């Protein structure tokens, strides 16, 4: 299972820009890029609540809708700003070629965005299950992982989440799955370790071996 933003796809600049615009237009204190990076991976309403520092659900939902509108409006000019991280495609190709491996996505991004980006990058056929907040609770709730396992027939000890945030690690642990943190994303490696990452990788070239290592511990 792969997270998207910060793990497969580098959308940091777009997300932080649109967060700033959304808050500014609403007359609210604008989050810094660092603050916006901290909430990448959560569902939009949950991310907005965290940035607001309140429990005003109605305002959070309103901001989420404004953000979605800005993001959709920017897609024409965003060409080239939603690229795969180096080595991601090669790693996905290698994993897909393994007949015993099933690939999926677990992300805070909406399902329409997931489908658009996987088609844009020619990787839609790699994934057998797509888990988003459209039909699951937000990370770090384990719902996305549990639903993916139910859909594919995988057991928790056969399942790995690859992600860049503590939300991914906590979600994986709560579902009983193995966890691999990537160092190129939006949360620091030390935070990923603290959240329960079984292994950390610094480059996609290390990923397939890391998956083998964490799954081998089931038989140790």
N, C-alpha and C. Protein backbone atom coordinates (compact mmCIF):
# COMPACT_ATOMS: atom_id res chain seq x y z
N UNK A 1 0.84 -1.18 0.00
CA UNK A 1 0.00 0.00 0.00
C UNK A 1 0.88 1.24 0.00
N UNK A 2 0.60 2.16 -0.90
CA UNK A 2 1.38 3.39 -1.02
C UNK A 2 0.54 4.60 -0.65
N UNK A 3 1.12 5.47 0.15
CA UNK A 3 0.61 6.83 0.27
C UNK A 3 0.94 7.55 -1.05
N UNK A 4 0.24 8.67 -1.31
CA UNK A 4 0.53 9.40 -2.55
C UNK A 4 1.36 10.67 -2.33
N UNK A 5 0.75 11.70 -1.74
CA UNK A 5 1.44 12.99 -1.58
C UNK A 5 2.63 12.84 -0.64
N UNK A 6 3.82 13.14 -1.15
CA UNK A 6 5.02 13.05 -0.33
C UNK A 6 5.69 11.71 -0.38
N UNK A 7 5.02 10.70 -0.96
CA UNK A 7 5.59 9.36 -1.08
C UNK A 7 5.78 9.00 -2.55
N UNK A 8 4.69 8.98 -3.30
CA UNK A 8 4.78 8.72 -4.73
C UNK A 8 4.93 10.00 -5.54
N UNK A 9 4.19 11.04 -5.14
CA UNK A 9 4.08 12.25 -5.95
C UNK A 9 4.45 13.48 -5.13
N UNK A 10 5.23 14.36 -5.73
CA UNK A 10 5.69 15.57 -5.04
C UNK A 10 4.74 16.73 -5.33
N UNK A 11 3.78 16.93 -4.44
CA UNK A 11 2.78 17.97 -4.60
C UNK A 11 2.91 19.07 -3.53
N UNK A 12 4.04 19.09 -2.85
CA UNK A 12 4.21 20.00 -1.72
C UNK A 12 3.96 21.46 -2.10
N UNK A 13 4.56 21.92 -3.20
CA UNK A 13 4.45 23.34 -3.55
C UNK A 13 3.01 23.72 -3.85
N UNK A 14 2.32 22.88 -4.61
CA UNK A 14 0.92 23.18 -4.94
C UNK A 14 0.05 23.22 -3.69
N UNK A 15 0.22 22.24 -2.82
CA UNK A 15 -0.63 22.16 -1.63
C UNK A 15 -0.41 23.36 -0.73
N UNK A 16 0.84 23.72 -0.47
CA UNK A 16 1.09 24.84 0.44
C UNK A 16 0.61 26.16 -0.15
N UNK A 17 0.74 26.32 -1.47
CA UNK A 17 0.24 27.54 -2.12
C UNK A 17 -1.28 27.65 -1.99
N UNK A 18 -1.98 26.57 -2.25
CA UNK A 18 -3.44 26.61 -2.21
C UNK A 18 -3.97 26.74 -0.79
N UNK A 19 -3.27 26.18 0.18
CA UNK A 19 -3.65 26.38 1.58
C UNK A 19 -3.55 27.86 1.93
N UNK A 20 -2.45 28.49 1.53
CA UNK A 20 -2.25 29.91 1.84
C UNK A 20 -3.35 30.76 1.19
N UNK A 21 -3.65 30.49 -0.07
CA UNK A 21 -4.68 31.25 -0.77
C UNK A 21 -6.05 31.07 -0.12
N UNK A 22 -6.36 29.85 0.24
CA UNK A 22 -7.66 29.54 0.84
C UNK A 22 -7.86 30.29 2.15
N UNK A 23 -6.86 30.27 3.01
CA UNK A 23 -6.98 30.94 4.31
C UNK A 23 -6.99 32.46 4.14
N UNK A 24 -6.17 32.97 3.22
CA UNK A 24 -6.11 34.41 3.01
C UNK A 24 -7.45 34.95 2.51
N UNK A 25 -8.08 34.26 1.58
CA UNK A 25 -9.36 34.70 1.04
C UNK A 25 -10.47 34.67 2.08
N UNK A 26 -10.31 33.78 3.06
CA UNK A 26 -11.32 33.69 4.12
C UNK A 26 -11.04 34.67 5.26
N UNK A 27 -9.97 35.47 5.12
CA UNK A 27 -9.62 36.44 6.15
C UNK A 27 -9.05 35.81 7.41
N UNK A 28 -8.43 34.65 7.25
CA UNK A 28 -7.88 33.91 8.39
C UNK A 28 -6.36 33.95 8.35
N UNK A 29 -5.70 33.76 9.50
CA UNK A 29 -4.24 33.70 9.51
C UNK A 29 -3.74 32.63 8.54
N UNK A 30 -2.79 33.00 7.71
CA UNK A 30 -2.30 32.09 6.67
C UNK A 30 -1.29 31.11 7.26
N UNK A 31 -1.51 29.81 7.07
CA UNK A 31 -0.53 28.85 7.57
C UNK A 31 0.79 28.96 6.82
N UNK A 32 1.87 28.74 7.51
CA UNK A 32 3.17 28.72 6.86
C UNK A 32 3.30 27.44 6.03
N UNK A 33 4.22 27.42 5.08
CA UNK A 33 4.44 26.17 4.33
C UNK A 33 4.75 24.99 5.26
N UNK A 34 5.51 25.24 6.32
CA UNK A 34 5.83 24.16 7.25
C UNK A 34 4.57 23.63 7.94
N UNK A 35 3.67 24.55 8.32
CA UNK A 35 2.42 24.12 8.95
C UNK A 35 1.56 23.32 7.98
N UNK A 36 1.51 23.76 6.74
CA UNK A 36 0.71 23.03 5.74
C UNK A 36 1.30 21.66 5.46
N UNK A 37 2.62 21.56 5.42
CA UNK A 37 3.25 20.24 5.19
C UNK A 37 2.89 19.26 6.30
N UNK A 38 2.71 19.77 7.51
CA UNK A 38 2.43 18.88 8.64
C UNK A 38 1.11 18.14 8.50
N UNK A 39 0.16 18.72 7.76
CA UNK A 39 -1.17 18.10 7.68
C UNK A 39 -1.39 17.36 6.37
N UNK A 40 -0.40 17.36 5.48
CA UNK A 40 -0.53 16.60 4.24
C UNK A 40 -0.66 15.12 4.59
N UNK A 41 -1.65 14.50 4.03
CA UNK A 41 -1.92 13.09 4.32
C UNK A 41 -3.24 12.89 5.04
N UNK A 42 -3.70 13.93 5.75
CA UNK A 42 -5.01 13.87 6.38
C UNK A 42 -6.09 14.16 5.35
N UNK A 43 -7.33 13.78 5.66
CA UNK A 43 -8.43 14.22 4.81
C UNK A 43 -8.50 15.74 4.90
N UNK A 44 -9.04 16.38 3.87
CA UNK A 44 -9.05 17.85 3.84
C UNK A 44 -9.77 18.47 5.04
N UNK A 45 -10.98 18.02 5.40
CA UNK A 45 -11.64 18.63 6.57
C UNK A 45 -10.82 18.48 7.85
N UNK A 46 -10.20 17.31 8.03
CA UNK A 46 -9.39 17.10 9.23
C UNK A 46 -8.13 17.97 9.19
N UNK A 47 -7.53 18.13 8.02
CA UNK A 47 -6.36 19.00 7.87
C UNK A 47 -6.73 20.44 8.20
N UNK A 48 -7.90 20.88 7.73
CA UNK A 48 -8.34 22.25 8.00
C UNK A 48 -8.58 22.46 9.49
N UNK A 49 -9.19 21.51 10.15
CA UNK A 49 -9.41 21.63 11.60
C UNK A 49 -8.08 21.78 12.33
N UNK A 50 -7.10 20.99 11.91
CA UNK A 50 -5.79 21.06 12.58
C UNK A 50 -5.14 22.42 12.35
N UNK A 51 -5.23 22.94 11.14
CA UNK A 51 -4.64 24.24 10.85
C UNK A 51 -5.39 25.37 11.55
N UNK A 52 -6.71 25.23 11.67
CA UNK A 52 -7.51 26.23 12.36
C UNK A 52 -7.25 26.22 13.86
N UNK A 53 -6.94 25.05 14.40
CA UNK A 53 -6.76 24.93 15.84
C UNK A 53 -8.06 25.03 16.61
N UNK A 54 -9.18 24.71 15.92
CA UNK A 54 -10.49 24.76 16.54
C UNK A 54 -11.26 23.49 16.18
N UNK A 55 -12.48 23.38 16.69
CA UNK A 55 -13.36 22.27 16.31
C UNK A 55 -14.54 22.78 15.51
N UNK A 56 -14.33 23.86 14.76
CA UNK A 56 -15.39 24.44 13.93
C UNK A 56 -15.51 23.63 12.64
N UNK A 57 -16.32 22.58 12.71
CA UNK A 57 -16.43 21.64 11.58
C UNK A 57 -17.01 22.33 10.35
N UNK A 58 -17.98 23.19 10.55
CA UNK A 58 -18.59 23.87 9.40
C UNK A 58 -17.56 24.73 8.66
N UNK A 59 -16.75 25.47 9.41
CA UNK A 59 -15.72 26.30 8.78
C UNK A 59 -14.69 25.43 8.09
N UNK A 60 -14.31 24.34 8.73
CA UNK A 60 -13.33 23.43 8.13
C UNK A 60 -13.85 22.87 6.81
N UNK A 61 -15.11 22.49 6.78
CA UNK A 61 -15.69 21.96 5.55
C UNK A 61 -15.76 23.04 4.46
N UNK A 62 -16.07 24.27 4.87
CA UNK A 62 -16.11 25.37 3.90
C UNK A 62 -14.73 25.62 3.31
N UNK A 63 -13.71 25.62 4.16
CA UNK A 63 -12.35 25.81 3.67
C UNK A 63 -11.91 24.67 2.76
N UNK A 64 -12.33 23.46 3.11
CA UNK A 64 -11.98 22.31 2.27
C UNK A 64 -12.56 22.46 0.87
N UNK A 65 -13.80 22.93 0.79
CA UNK A 65 -14.42 23.15 -0.52
C UNK A 65 -13.71 24.25 -1.30
N UNK A 66 -13.34 25.33 -0.61
CA UNK A 66 -12.60 26.41 -1.28
C UNK A 66 -11.26 25.91 -1.80
N UNK A 67 -10.59 25.12 -0.98
CA UNK A 67 -9.29 24.56 -1.37
C UNK A 67 -9.45 23.69 -2.62
N UNK A 68 -10.46 22.81 -2.61
CA UNK A 68 -10.68 21.94 -3.77
C UNK A 68 -10.90 22.76 -5.03
N UNK A 69 -11.66 23.84 -4.90
CA UNK A 69 -11.93 24.70 -6.07
C UNK A 69 -10.64 25.32 -6.59
N UNK A 70 -9.79 25.80 -5.68
CA UNK A 70 -8.51 26.37 -6.11
C UNK A 70 -7.65 25.32 -6.80
N UNK A 71 -7.62 24.13 -6.21
CA UNK A 71 -6.77 23.07 -6.77
C UNK A 71 -7.25 22.69 -8.17
N UNK A 72 -8.56 22.50 -8.31
CA UNK A 72 -9.10 22.14 -9.63
C UNK A 72 -8.81 23.23 -10.65
N UNK A 73 -8.97 24.48 -10.25
CA UNK A 73 -8.76 25.60 -11.17
C UNK A 73 -7.30 25.71 -11.62
N UNK A 74 -6.40 25.19 -10.80
CA UNK A 74 -4.96 25.34 -11.11
C UNK A 74 -4.42 24.22 -11.97
N UNK A 75 -5.23 23.19 -12.24
CA UNK A 75 -4.67 21.99 -12.87
C UNK A 75 -4.10 22.26 -14.25
N UNK A 76 -4.69 23.18 -15.00
CA UNK A 76 -4.18 23.48 -16.33
C UNK A 76 -2.77 24.03 -16.24
N UNK A 77 -2.56 24.95 -15.28
CA UNK A 77 -1.24 25.57 -15.14
C UNK A 77 -0.31 24.76 -14.25
N UNK A 78 -0.80 23.65 -13.67
CA UNK A 78 0.02 22.86 -12.74
C UNK A 78 0.83 21.79 -13.45
N UNK A 79 0.79 21.78 -14.78
CA UNK A 79 1.50 20.75 -15.52
C UNK A 79 2.98 20.72 -15.10
N UNK A 80 3.45 19.53 -14.79
CA UNK A 80 4.83 19.38 -14.36
C UNK A 80 5.06 19.62 -12.89
N UNK A 81 4.01 19.99 -12.14
CA UNK A 81 4.19 20.26 -10.72
C UNK A 81 3.59 19.17 -9.84
N UNK A 82 3.24 18.04 -10.44
CA UNK A 82 2.73 16.90 -9.69
C UNK A 82 3.49 15.65 -10.13
N UNK A 83 4.81 15.77 -10.13
CA UNK A 83 5.64 14.70 -10.67
C UNK A 83 5.87 13.56 -9.70
N UNK A 84 6.13 12.38 -10.26
CA UNK A 84 6.54 11.24 -9.44
C UNK A 84 7.94 11.52 -8.87
N UNK A 85 8.17 11.05 -7.65
CA UNK A 85 9.52 11.14 -7.10
C UNK A 85 10.47 10.24 -7.90
N UNK A 86 11.75 10.61 -7.96
CA UNK A 86 12.71 9.81 -8.72
C UNK A 86 12.71 8.35 -8.27
N UNK A 87 12.64 7.46 -9.23
CA UNK A 87 12.69 6.03 -8.95
C UNK A 87 11.36 5.39 -8.64
N UNK A 88 10.30 6.21 -8.47
CA UNK A 88 9.00 5.64 -8.10
C UNK A 88 8.46 4.71 -9.18
N UNK A 89 8.51 5.17 -10.42
CA UNK A 89 7.96 4.35 -11.51
C UNK A 89 8.69 3.02 -11.62
N UNK A 90 10.00 3.06 -11.53
CA UNK A 90 10.79 1.83 -11.64
C UNK A 90 10.46 0.86 -10.53
N UNK A 91 10.30 1.37 -9.31
CA UNK A 91 9.96 0.50 -8.18
C UNK A 91 8.57 -0.10 -8.35
N UNK A 92 7.62 0.71 -8.82
CA UNK A 92 6.27 0.19 -9.05
C UNK A 92 6.28 -0.88 -10.13
N UNK A 93 7.04 -0.65 -11.20
CA UNK A 93 7.13 -1.65 -12.27
C UNK A 93 7.71 -2.96 -11.74
N UNK A 94 8.74 -2.83 -10.92
CA UNK A 94 9.39 -4.03 -10.37
C UNK A 94 8.43 -4.81 -9.47
N UNK A 95 7.68 -4.09 -8.65
CA UNK A 95 6.73 -4.75 -7.74
C UNK A 95 5.58 -5.37 -8.51
N UNK A 96 5.08 -4.68 -9.52
CA UNK A 96 3.96 -5.20 -10.30
C UNK A 96 4.35 -6.47 -11.04
N UNK A 97 5.62 -6.58 -11.42
CA UNK A 97 6.10 -7.75 -12.15
C UNK A 97 6.14 -9.00 -11.27
N UNK A 98 6.05 -8.82 -9.96
CA UNK A 98 6.05 -9.96 -9.04
C UNK A 98 4.62 -10.47 -8.92
N UNK A 99 4.37 -11.67 -9.39
CA UNK A 99 3.00 -12.18 -9.48
C UNK A 99 2.31 -12.29 -8.13
N UNK A 100 3.09 -12.43 -7.06
CA UNK A 100 2.48 -12.60 -5.74
C UNK A 100 2.21 -11.28 -5.05
N UNK A 101 2.54 -10.16 -5.69
CA UNK A 101 2.41 -8.84 -5.07
C UNK A 101 1.19 -8.10 -5.60
N UNK A 102 0.38 -7.59 -4.69
CA UNK A 102 -0.77 -6.76 -5.03
C UNK A 102 -0.47 -5.35 -4.54
N UNK A 103 -0.69 -4.35 -5.39
CA UNK A 103 -0.40 -2.97 -5.04
C UNK A 103 -1.69 -2.19 -4.81
N UNK A 104 -1.63 -1.25 -3.87
CA UNK A 104 -2.77 -0.40 -3.61
C UNK A 104 -2.32 0.97 -3.15
N UNK A 105 -3.28 1.88 -3.02
CA UNK A 105 -3.03 3.24 -2.56
C UNK A 105 -3.91 3.53 -1.36
N UNK A 106 -3.33 4.20 -0.37
CA UNK A 106 -4.08 4.69 0.79
C UNK A 106 -3.66 6.15 0.99
N UNK A 107 -4.56 7.07 0.75
CA UNK A 107 -4.18 8.48 0.68
C UNK A 107 -5.26 9.39 1.22
N UNK A 108 -4.85 10.57 1.65
CA UNK A 108 -5.80 11.59 2.05
C UNK A 108 -6.38 12.34 0.87
N UNK A 109 -5.86 12.10 -0.32
CA UNK A 109 -6.36 12.75 -1.53
C UNK A 109 -7.69 12.13 -1.93
N UNK A 110 -8.57 12.91 -2.54
CA UNK A 110 -9.85 12.40 -3.00
C UNK A 110 -9.70 11.42 -4.14
N UNK A 111 -10.71 10.56 -4.30
CA UNK A 111 -10.64 9.49 -5.30
C UNK A 111 -10.50 10.04 -6.71
N UNK A 112 -11.18 11.14 -7.02
CA UNK A 112 -11.06 11.69 -8.37
C UNK A 112 -9.64 12.16 -8.65
N UNK A 113 -8.98 12.74 -7.64
CA UNK A 113 -7.59 13.16 -7.79
C UNK A 113 -6.65 11.98 -7.94
N UNK A 114 -6.91 10.92 -7.20
CA UNK A 114 -6.09 9.72 -7.31
C UNK A 114 -6.19 9.14 -8.73
N UNK A 115 -7.41 9.04 -9.22
CA UNK A 115 -7.59 8.49 -10.57
C UNK A 115 -6.94 9.37 -11.62
N UNK A 116 -7.08 10.69 -11.46
CA UNK A 116 -6.48 11.61 -12.43
C UNK A 116 -4.97 11.46 -12.46
N UNK A 117 -4.34 11.40 -11.28
CA UNK A 117 -2.88 11.35 -11.23
C UNK A 117 -2.32 10.00 -11.66
N UNK A 118 -2.99 8.92 -11.29
CA UNK A 118 -2.48 7.61 -11.71
C UNK A 118 -2.61 7.46 -13.23
N UNK A 119 -3.66 8.03 -13.80
CA UNK A 119 -3.80 7.99 -15.26
C UNK A 119 -2.78 8.92 -15.92
N UNK A 120 -2.58 10.10 -15.33
CA UNK A 120 -1.61 11.06 -15.87
C UNK A 120 -0.23 10.44 -15.98
N UNK A 121 0.15 9.65 -14.97
CA UNK A 121 1.49 9.07 -14.95
C UNK A 121 1.55 7.65 -15.51
N UNK A 122 0.43 7.17 -16.02
CA UNK A 122 0.42 5.85 -16.64
C UNK A 122 0.63 4.71 -15.67
N UNK A 123 0.17 4.88 -14.43
CA UNK A 123 0.36 3.82 -13.43
C UNK A 123 -0.96 3.31 -12.87
N UNK A 124 -2.08 3.70 -13.48
CA UNK A 124 -3.38 3.29 -12.95
C UNK A 124 -3.51 1.77 -12.88
N UNK A 125 -2.98 1.07 -13.88
CA UNK A 125 -3.12 -0.38 -13.94
C UNK A 125 -2.27 -1.11 -12.90
N UNK A 126 -1.37 -0.38 -12.25
CA UNK A 126 -0.52 -1.01 -11.24
C UNK A 126 -1.31 -1.33 -9.97
N UNK A 127 -2.39 -0.61 -9.71
CA UNK A 127 -3.04 -0.68 -8.40
C UNK A 127 -4.38 -1.41 -8.45
N UNK A 128 -4.53 -2.36 -7.54
CA UNK A 128 -5.75 -3.16 -7.46
C UNK A 128 -6.77 -2.61 -6.49
N UNK A 129 -6.34 -1.73 -5.58
CA UNK A 129 -7.26 -1.16 -4.60
C UNK A 129 -6.87 0.28 -4.32
N UNK A 130 -7.86 1.16 -4.32
CA UNK A 130 -7.64 2.59 -4.07
C UNK A 130 -8.47 3.00 -2.86
N UNK A 131 -7.79 3.40 -1.80
CA UNK A 131 -8.47 3.76 -0.55
C UNK A 131 -8.27 5.25 -0.28
N UNK A 132 -9.37 5.97 -0.13
CA UNK A 132 -9.35 7.42 0.06
C UNK A 132 -10.38 7.82 1.12
N UNK A 133 -10.39 9.10 1.53
CA UNK A 133 -11.41 9.55 2.49
C UNK A 133 -12.83 9.56 1.92
N UNK A 134 -12.99 9.31 0.61
CA UNK A 134 -14.33 9.25 0.03
C UNK A 134 -15.16 8.14 0.65
N UNK A 135 -14.49 7.07 1.08
CA UNK A 135 -15.23 5.94 1.64
C UNK A 135 -14.53 5.32 2.86
N UNK A 136 -13.69 6.12 3.51
CA UNK A 136 -12.98 5.67 4.72
C UNK A 136 -12.79 6.84 5.67
N UNK A 137 -12.59 6.55 6.97
CA UNK A 137 -12.16 7.61 7.88
C UNK A 137 -10.76 8.10 7.49
N UNK A 138 -10.44 9.32 7.90
CA UNK A 138 -9.11 9.87 7.64
C UNK A 138 -8.03 9.10 8.39
N UNK A 139 -6.83 9.08 7.82
CA UNK A 139 -5.67 8.62 8.58
C UNK A 139 -5.59 9.47 9.86
N UNK A 140 -5.07 8.92 10.96
CA UNK A 140 -4.43 7.62 11.09
C UNK A 140 -5.36 6.46 11.44
N UNK A 141 -6.66 6.65 11.35
CA UNK A 141 -7.60 5.54 11.53
C UNK A 141 -7.20 4.41 10.57
N UNK A 142 -7.27 3.15 10.99
CA UNK A 142 -6.81 2.04 10.14
C UNK A 142 -7.79 1.63 9.05
N UNK A 143 -8.92 2.34 8.91
CA UNK A 143 -9.96 1.91 7.98
C UNK A 143 -9.49 1.67 6.56
N UNK A 144 -8.62 2.54 6.03
CA UNK A 144 -8.15 2.36 4.65
C UNK A 144 -7.40 1.04 4.50
N UNK A 145 -6.55 0.74 5.46
CA UNK A 145 -5.78 -0.50 5.39
C UNK A 145 -6.69 -1.72 5.55
N UNK A 146 -7.61 -1.66 6.49
CA UNK A 146 -8.51 -2.79 6.73
C UNK A 146 -9.38 -3.06 5.51
N UNK A 147 -9.87 -2.01 4.89
CA UNK A 147 -10.71 -2.18 3.71
C UNK A 147 -9.90 -2.74 2.55
N UNK A 148 -8.67 -2.27 2.38
CA UNK A 148 -7.82 -2.78 1.30
C UNK A 148 -7.54 -4.27 1.50
N UNK A 149 -7.26 -4.65 2.73
CA UNK A 149 -7.00 -6.07 3.01
C UNK A 149 -8.25 -6.91 2.76
N UNK A 150 -9.42 -6.38 3.13
CA UNK A 150 -10.66 -7.11 2.89
C UNK A 150 -10.91 -7.28 1.40
N UNK A 151 -10.61 -6.24 0.63
CA UNK A 151 -10.85 -6.29 -0.82
C UNK A 151 -9.90 -7.27 -1.53
N UNK A 152 -8.68 -7.38 -1.03
CA UNK A 152 -7.67 -8.18 -1.73
C UNK A 152 -7.44 -9.56 -1.12
N UNK A 153 -7.96 -9.78 0.08
CA UNK A 153 -7.74 -11.05 0.75
C UNK A 153 -6.41 -11.16 1.45
N UNK A 154 -5.70 -10.05 1.59
CA UNK A 154 -4.39 -10.06 2.25
C UNK A 154 -4.55 -10.06 3.77
N UNK A 155 -3.66 -10.75 4.45
CA UNK A 155 -3.61 -10.74 5.91
C UNK A 155 -2.74 -9.58 6.38
N UNK A 156 -2.95 -9.10 7.61
CA UNK A 156 -2.12 -7.99 8.10
C UNK A 156 -0.62 -8.26 8.02
N UNK A 157 -0.20 -9.50 8.34
CA UNK A 157 1.24 -9.78 8.32
C UNK A 157 1.79 -9.95 6.91
N UNK A 158 0.91 -9.84 5.90
CA UNK A 158 1.35 -9.86 4.50
C UNK A 158 1.28 -8.47 3.87
N UNK A 159 0.96 -7.47 4.69
CA UNK A 159 0.65 -6.14 4.17
C UNK A 159 1.66 -5.11 4.66
N UNK A 160 2.05 -4.22 3.77
CA UNK A 160 3.02 -3.17 4.09
C UNK A 160 2.46 -1.83 3.62
N UNK A 161 2.55 -0.80 4.47
CA UNK A 161 2.24 0.56 4.05
C UNK A 161 3.55 1.32 3.87
N UNK A 162 3.70 1.99 2.74
CA UNK A 162 4.87 2.82 2.47
C UNK A 162 4.40 4.27 2.49
N UNK A 163 4.94 5.08 3.41
CA UNK A 163 4.47 6.45 3.54
C UNK A 163 5.52 7.38 4.10
N UNK A 164 5.20 8.67 4.07
CA UNK A 164 6.16 9.70 4.49
C UNK A 164 5.75 10.42 5.76
N UNK A 165 4.59 10.07 6.35
CA UNK A 165 4.12 10.79 7.53
C UNK A 165 3.86 9.85 8.70
N UNK A 166 3.81 10.47 9.88
CA UNK A 166 3.45 9.69 11.07
C UNK A 166 2.05 9.12 10.94
N UNK A 167 1.16 9.82 10.19
CA UNK A 167 -0.20 9.31 10.00
C UNK A 167 -0.18 7.95 9.31
N UNK A 168 0.73 7.78 8.34
CA UNK A 168 0.84 6.51 7.62
C UNK A 168 1.34 5.41 8.55
N UNK A 169 2.35 5.72 9.35
CA UNK A 169 2.91 4.72 10.25
C UNK A 169 1.88 4.30 11.30
N UNK A 170 1.18 5.28 11.86
CA UNK A 170 0.17 4.99 12.89
C UNK A 170 -0.98 4.19 12.30
N UNK A 171 -1.40 4.53 11.09
CA UNK A 171 -2.46 3.79 10.42
C UNK A 171 -2.05 2.33 10.21
N UNK A 172 -0.84 2.14 9.71
CA UNK A 172 -0.37 0.79 9.47
C UNK A 172 -0.29 -0.04 10.73
N UNK A 173 0.27 0.54 11.78
CA UNK A 173 0.39 -0.18 13.05
C UNK A 173 -0.98 -0.54 13.61
N UNK A 174 -1.92 0.40 13.52
CA UNK A 174 -3.26 0.14 14.04
C UNK A 174 -3.96 -0.99 13.29
N UNK A 175 -3.56 -1.19 12.01
CA UNK A 175 -4.15 -2.25 11.21
C UNK A 175 -3.39 -3.57 11.33
N UNK A 176 -2.29 -3.56 12.08
CA UNK A 176 -1.49 -4.77 12.23
C UNK A 176 -0.55 -5.03 11.08
N UNK A 177 -0.33 -4.03 10.23
CA UNK A 177 0.51 -4.19 9.05
C UNK A 177 1.95 -3.78 9.35
N UNK A 178 2.84 -4.09 8.41
CA UNK A 178 4.22 -3.62 8.46
C UNK A 178 4.29 -2.19 7.93
N UNK A 179 5.31 -1.45 8.34
CA UNK A 179 5.39 -0.04 7.98
C UNK A 179 6.79 0.31 7.48
N UNK A 180 6.84 1.01 6.35
CA UNK A 180 8.10 1.51 5.80
C UNK A 180 7.97 3.02 5.61
N UNK A 181 8.87 3.76 6.24
CA UNK A 181 8.88 5.21 6.11
C UNK A 181 9.87 5.64 5.05
N UNK A 182 9.52 6.69 4.30
CA UNK A 182 10.43 7.23 3.29
C UNK A 182 10.94 8.59 3.77
N UNK A 183 12.22 8.84 3.55
CA UNK A 183 12.86 10.03 4.13
C UNK A 183 12.69 11.28 3.29
N UNK A 184 12.13 11.15 2.07
CA UNK A 184 12.06 12.31 1.17
C UNK A 184 10.74 13.07 1.27
N UNK A 185 9.88 12.70 2.19
CA UNK A 185 8.56 13.30 2.26
C UNK A 185 8.45 14.45 3.24
N UNK A 186 7.29 14.56 3.92
CA UNK A 186 6.93 15.77 4.63
C UNK A 186 7.05 15.68 6.15
N UNK A 187 7.36 14.50 6.71
CA UNK A 187 7.66 14.38 8.13
C UNK A 187 9.08 13.86 8.28
N UNK A 188 9.75 14.27 9.36
CA UNK A 188 11.15 13.92 9.56
C UNK A 188 11.32 12.43 9.84
N UNK A 189 12.45 11.84 9.42
CA UNK A 189 12.70 10.42 9.68
C UNK A 189 12.59 10.03 11.16
N UNK A 190 13.08 10.91 12.06
CA UNK A 190 12.98 10.59 13.49
C UNK A 190 11.53 10.48 13.94
N UNK A 191 10.66 11.32 13.36
CA UNK A 191 9.24 11.23 13.69
C UNK A 191 8.65 9.92 13.19
N UNK A 192 9.07 9.49 12.01
CA UNK A 192 8.56 8.23 11.47
C UNK A 192 8.98 7.06 12.34
N UNK A 193 10.23 7.09 12.81
CA UNK A 193 10.68 6.04 13.72
C UNK A 193 9.84 6.04 14.99
N UNK A 194 9.61 7.24 15.53
CA UNK A 194 8.84 7.35 16.75
C UNK A 194 7.41 6.88 16.60
N UNK A 195 6.88 6.97 15.36
CA UNK A 195 5.51 6.55 15.10
C UNK A 195 5.41 5.07 14.75
N UNK A 196 6.56 4.38 14.76
CA UNK A 196 6.52 2.93 14.58
C UNK A 196 7.01 2.39 13.26
N UNK A 197 7.74 3.19 12.47
CA UNK A 197 8.25 2.66 11.20
C UNK A 197 9.16 1.47 11.45
N UNK A 198 8.89 0.36 10.77
CA UNK A 198 9.74 -0.82 10.90
C UNK A 198 11.07 -0.63 10.21
N UNK A 199 11.04 0.11 9.08
CA UNK A 199 12.23 0.36 8.28
C UNK A 199 12.10 1.75 7.67
N UNK A 200 13.23 2.42 7.47
CA UNK A 200 13.26 3.68 6.73
C UNK A 200 14.09 3.50 5.47
N UNK A 201 13.64 4.11 4.37
CA UNK A 201 14.43 4.08 3.14
C UNK A 201 14.69 5.51 2.68
N UNK A 202 15.86 5.70 2.06
CA UNK A 202 16.27 7.02 1.59
C UNK A 202 16.14 7.18 0.08
N UNK A 203 15.80 6.09 -0.61
CA UNK A 203 15.73 6.14 -2.07
C UNK A 203 14.83 4.99 -2.53
N UNK A 204 14.14 5.19 -3.64
CA UNK A 204 13.26 4.14 -4.15
C UNK A 204 14.01 2.87 -4.53
N UNK A 205 15.30 3.01 -4.84
CA UNK A 205 16.08 1.82 -5.18
C UNK A 205 16.20 0.85 -4.01
N UNK A 206 15.94 1.33 -2.79
CA UNK A 206 16.03 0.49 -1.59
C UNK A 206 14.71 -0.18 -1.24
N UNK A 207 13.63 0.20 -1.91
CA UNK A 207 12.30 -0.17 -1.43
C UNK A 207 12.01 -1.66 -1.52
N UNK A 208 12.28 -2.29 -2.66
CA UNK A 208 11.92 -3.70 -2.81
C UNK A 208 12.63 -4.58 -1.78
N UNK A 209 13.92 -4.30 -1.53
CA UNK A 209 14.64 -5.05 -0.50
C UNK A 209 14.05 -4.79 0.88
N UNK A 210 13.64 -3.54 1.13
CA UNK A 210 13.05 -3.21 2.43
C UNK A 210 11.74 -3.95 2.64
N UNK A 211 10.92 -4.06 1.60
CA UNK A 211 9.67 -4.81 1.70
C UNK A 211 9.97 -6.27 2.03
N UNK A 212 10.94 -6.87 1.34
CA UNK A 212 11.32 -8.26 1.62
C UNK A 212 11.76 -8.42 3.07
N UNK A 213 12.52 -7.45 3.57
CA UNK A 213 13.04 -7.55 4.95
C UNK A 213 11.92 -7.51 5.98
N UNK A 214 10.99 -6.58 5.83
CA UNK A 214 9.94 -6.47 6.85
C UNK A 214 8.99 -7.66 6.79
N UNK A 215 8.79 -8.22 5.61
CA UNK A 215 7.92 -9.39 5.53
C UNK A 215 8.62 -10.65 6.00
N UNK A 216 9.92 -10.71 5.87
CA UNK A 216 10.68 -11.87 6.34
C UNK A 216 10.61 -12.01 7.85
N UNK A 217 10.41 -10.88 8.56
CA UNK A 217 10.34 -10.96 10.03
C UNK A 217 9.13 -11.76 10.49
N UNK A 218 8.17 -11.98 9.60
CA UNK A 218 7.02 -12.80 9.97
C UNK A 218 7.42 -14.26 10.20
N UNK A 219 8.53 -14.62 9.54
CA UNK A 219 8.94 -16.05 9.58
C UNK A 219 10.18 -16.24 10.45
N UNK A 220 10.61 -15.14 11.11
CA UNK A 220 11.84 -15.25 11.91
C UNK A 220 11.59 -16.08 13.16
